C-alpha atoms as a PDB file:
ATOM      1  CA  MET A   1       0.008  -0.020   0.002  1.00  0.00           C
ATOM      2  CA  ILE A   2       1.079   3.525  -0.741  1.00  0.00           C
ATOM      3  CA  LYS A   3       0.133   6.742   1.129  1.00  0.00           C
ATOM      4  CA  ILE A   4      -1.905   8.990  -1.171  1.00  0.00           C
ATOM      5  CA  PHE A   5      -3.321  11.711   1.027  1.00  0.00           C
ATOM      6  CA  SER A   6      -3.066  13.263   4.513  1.00  0.00           C
ATOM      7  CA  PRO A   7      -6.511  14.514   5.565  1.00  0.00           C
ATOM      8  CA  ASP A   8      -6.826  17.436   7.906  1.00  0.00           C
ATOM      9  CA  ASN A   9      -9.228  15.733  10.324  1.00  0.00           C
ATOM     10  CA  LEU A  10     -10.939  12.443  11.034  1.00  0.00           C
ATOM     11  CA  LEU A  11     -14.270  13.501   9.493  1.00  0.00           C
ATOM     12  CA  GLU A  12     -12.600  14.392   6.191  1.00  0.00           C
ATOM     13  CA  ALA A  13     -10.577  11.156   6.339  1.00  0.00           C
ATOM     14  CA  GLN A  14     -13.601   8.953   6.833  1.00  0.00           C
ATOM     15  CA  CYS A  15     -15.547  10.734   4.056  1.00  0.00           C
ATOM     16  CA  LEU A  16     -12.737  10.278   1.584  1.00  0.00           C
ATOM     17  CA  LYS A  17     -12.264   6.633   2.651  1.00  0.00           C
ATOM     18  CA  ASP A  18     -15.975   6.030   2.043  1.00  0.00           C
ATOM     19  CA  VAL A  19     -15.794   7.674  -1.376  1.00  0.00           C
ATOM     20  CA  LEU A  20     -12.884   5.479  -2.473  1.00  0.00           C
ATOM     21  CA  GLU A  21     -14.414   2.291  -1.129  1.00  0.00           C
ATOM     22  CA  SER A  22     -17.796   3.052  -2.783  1.00  0.00           C
ATOM     23  CA  HIS A  23     -15.884   2.980  -6.082  1.00  0.00           C
ATOM     24  CA  GLY A  24     -14.229  -0.309  -5.339  1.00  0.00           C
ATOM     25  CA  ILE A  25     -10.891   0.958  -4.168  1.00  0.00           C
ATOM     26  CA  ALA A  26      -9.573  -0.726  -1.043  1.00  0.00           C
ATOM     27  CA  CYS A  27      -8.432   1.912   1.381  1.00  0.00           C
ATOM     28  CA  HIS A  28      -6.732   1.920   4.788  1.00  0.00           C
ATOM     29  CA  LEU A  29      -7.055   4.828   7.150  1.00  0.00           C
ATOM     30  CA  GLY A  30      -3.876   5.124   9.223  1.00  0.00           C
ATOM     31  CA  GLY A  31      -3.593   7.127  12.448  1.00  0.00           C
ATOM     32  CA  SER A  32      -7.275   7.321  13.312  1.00  0.00           C
ATOM     33  CA  TYR A  33      -6.640   5.913  16.792  1.00  0.00           C
ATOM     34  CA  LEU A  34      -3.964   8.507  17.498  1.00  0.00           C
ATOM     35  CA  ALA A  35      -6.520  11.346  17.644  1.00  0.00           C
ATOM     36  CA  GLY A  36      -7.016  10.617  21.331  1.00  0.00           C
ATOM     37  CA  ALA A  37      -3.374  11.255  21.982  1.00  0.00           C
ATOM     38  CA  VAL A  38      -3.454  14.847  20.769  1.00  0.00           C
ATOM     39  CA  GLY A  39      -1.557  16.873  23.435  1.00  0.00           C
ATOM     40  CA  GLU A  40       1.082  14.227  23.609  1.00  0.00           C
ATOM     41  CA  LEU A  41       1.535  14.056  19.859  1.00  0.00           C
ATOM     42  CA  PRO A  42       1.447  16.741  17.191  1.00  0.00           C
ATOM     43  CA  ALA A  43      -2.058  17.961  16.356  1.00  0.00           C
ATOM     44  CA  THR A  44      -1.676  17.498  12.624  1.00  0.00           C
ATOM     45  CA  GLY A  45      -0.135  15.057  10.243  1.00  0.00           C
ATOM     46  CA  LEU A  46      -1.385  11.956  12.104  1.00  0.00           C
ATOM     47  CA  LEU A  47      -3.905  10.770   9.503  1.00  0.00           C
ATOM     48  CA  ALA A  48      -3.125   9.154   6.143  1.00  0.00           C
ATOM     49  CA  LEU A  49      -5.050   7.320   3.457  1.00  0.00           C
ATOM     50  CA  TYR A  50      -3.341   4.319   1.901  1.00  0.00           C
ATOM     51  CA  VAL A  51      -4.365   2.360  -1.214  1.00  0.00           C
ATOM     52  CA  ASP A  52      -2.813  -0.416  -3.307  1.00  0.00           C
ATOM     53  CA  ASP A  53      -0.144   0.877  -5.684  1.00  0.00           C
ATOM     54  CA  TYR A  54      -2.115   0.089  -8.796  1.00  0.00           C
ATOM     55  CA  ASP A  55      -5.164   2.156  -7.511  1.00  0.00           C
ATOM     56  CA  ALA A  56      -3.041   5.186  -6.487  1.00  0.00           C
ATOM     57  CA  GLY A  57      -3.533   7.225  -9.667  1.00  0.00           C
ATOM     58  CA  LEU A  58      -7.273   6.851  -9.770  1.00  0.00           C
ATOM     59  CA  ALA A  59      -7.636   7.327  -6.031  1.00  0.00           C
ATOM     60  CA  LYS A  60      -5.677  10.634  -6.170  1.00  0.00           C
ATOM     61  CA  GLU A  61      -7.879  11.880  -8.986  1.00  0.00           C
ATOM     62  CA  MET A  62     -11.039  10.995  -7.072  1.00  0.00           C
ATOM     63  CA  ILE A  63      -9.788  12.811  -3.978  1.00  0.00           C
ATOM     64  CA  GLU A  64      -8.938  15.905  -6.042  1.00  0.00           C
ATOM     65  CA  ASP A  65     -12.389  15.810  -7.636  1.00  0.00           C
ATOM     66  CA  TYR A  66     -14.026  15.386  -4.186  1.00  0.00           C
ATOM     67  CA  LEU A  67     -12.160  18.334  -2.711  1.00  0.00           C
ATOM     68  CA  LYS A  68     -12.967  20.632  -5.666  1.00  0.00           C
ATOM     69  CA  ALA A  69     -16.636  19.777  -5.671  1.00  0.00           C
ATOM     70  CA  SER A  70     -19.293  22.268  -4.660  1.00  0.00           C
ATOM     71  CA  PRO A  71     -22.420  21.157  -2.700  1.00  0.00           C
ATOM     72  CA  VAL A  72     -25.554  20.659  -4.725  1.00  0.00           C
ATOM     73  CA  LEU A  73     -28.635  22.242  -3.208  1.00  0.00           C
ATOM     74  CA  GLU A  74     -32.092  21.020  -4.104  1.00  0.00           C
ATOM     75  CA  GLU A  75     -34.776  23.591  -4.811  1.00  0.00           C
ATOM     76  CA  SER A  76     -36.459  22.899  -1.511  1.00  0.00           C
ATOM     77  CA  ASP A  77     -33.203  23.897   0.221  1.00  0.00           C
ATOM     78  CA  HIS A  78     -33.291  27.449  -1.098  1.00  0.00           C
ATOM     79  CA  ILE A  79     -35.048  30.096   0.859  1.00  0.00           C
ATOM     80  CA  GLN A  80     -37.648  31.675  -1.305  1.00  0.00           C
ATOM     81  CA  GLU A  81     -38.274  35.305  -0.879  1.00  0.00           C
ATOM     82  CA  GLU A  82     -41.601  36.819  -1.902  1.00  0.00           C
END
């Protein structure tokens, strides 16, 4: 496995892991159990996403696309002014 991304926080890490796995890319989230040790360890750089070498290119593209995406709001989510 190869490290492809260092998420900023556990929520982002889990979302990205779920995206990759939903597209059939096996992914390992490293460092998730270290979050409880913040204070003793550095606060950043603990998390990392790992995939098999042959999936690395596609996984990196998917993460880039995910991070560039804008939320899609349904019409019912917009506040209508009269």
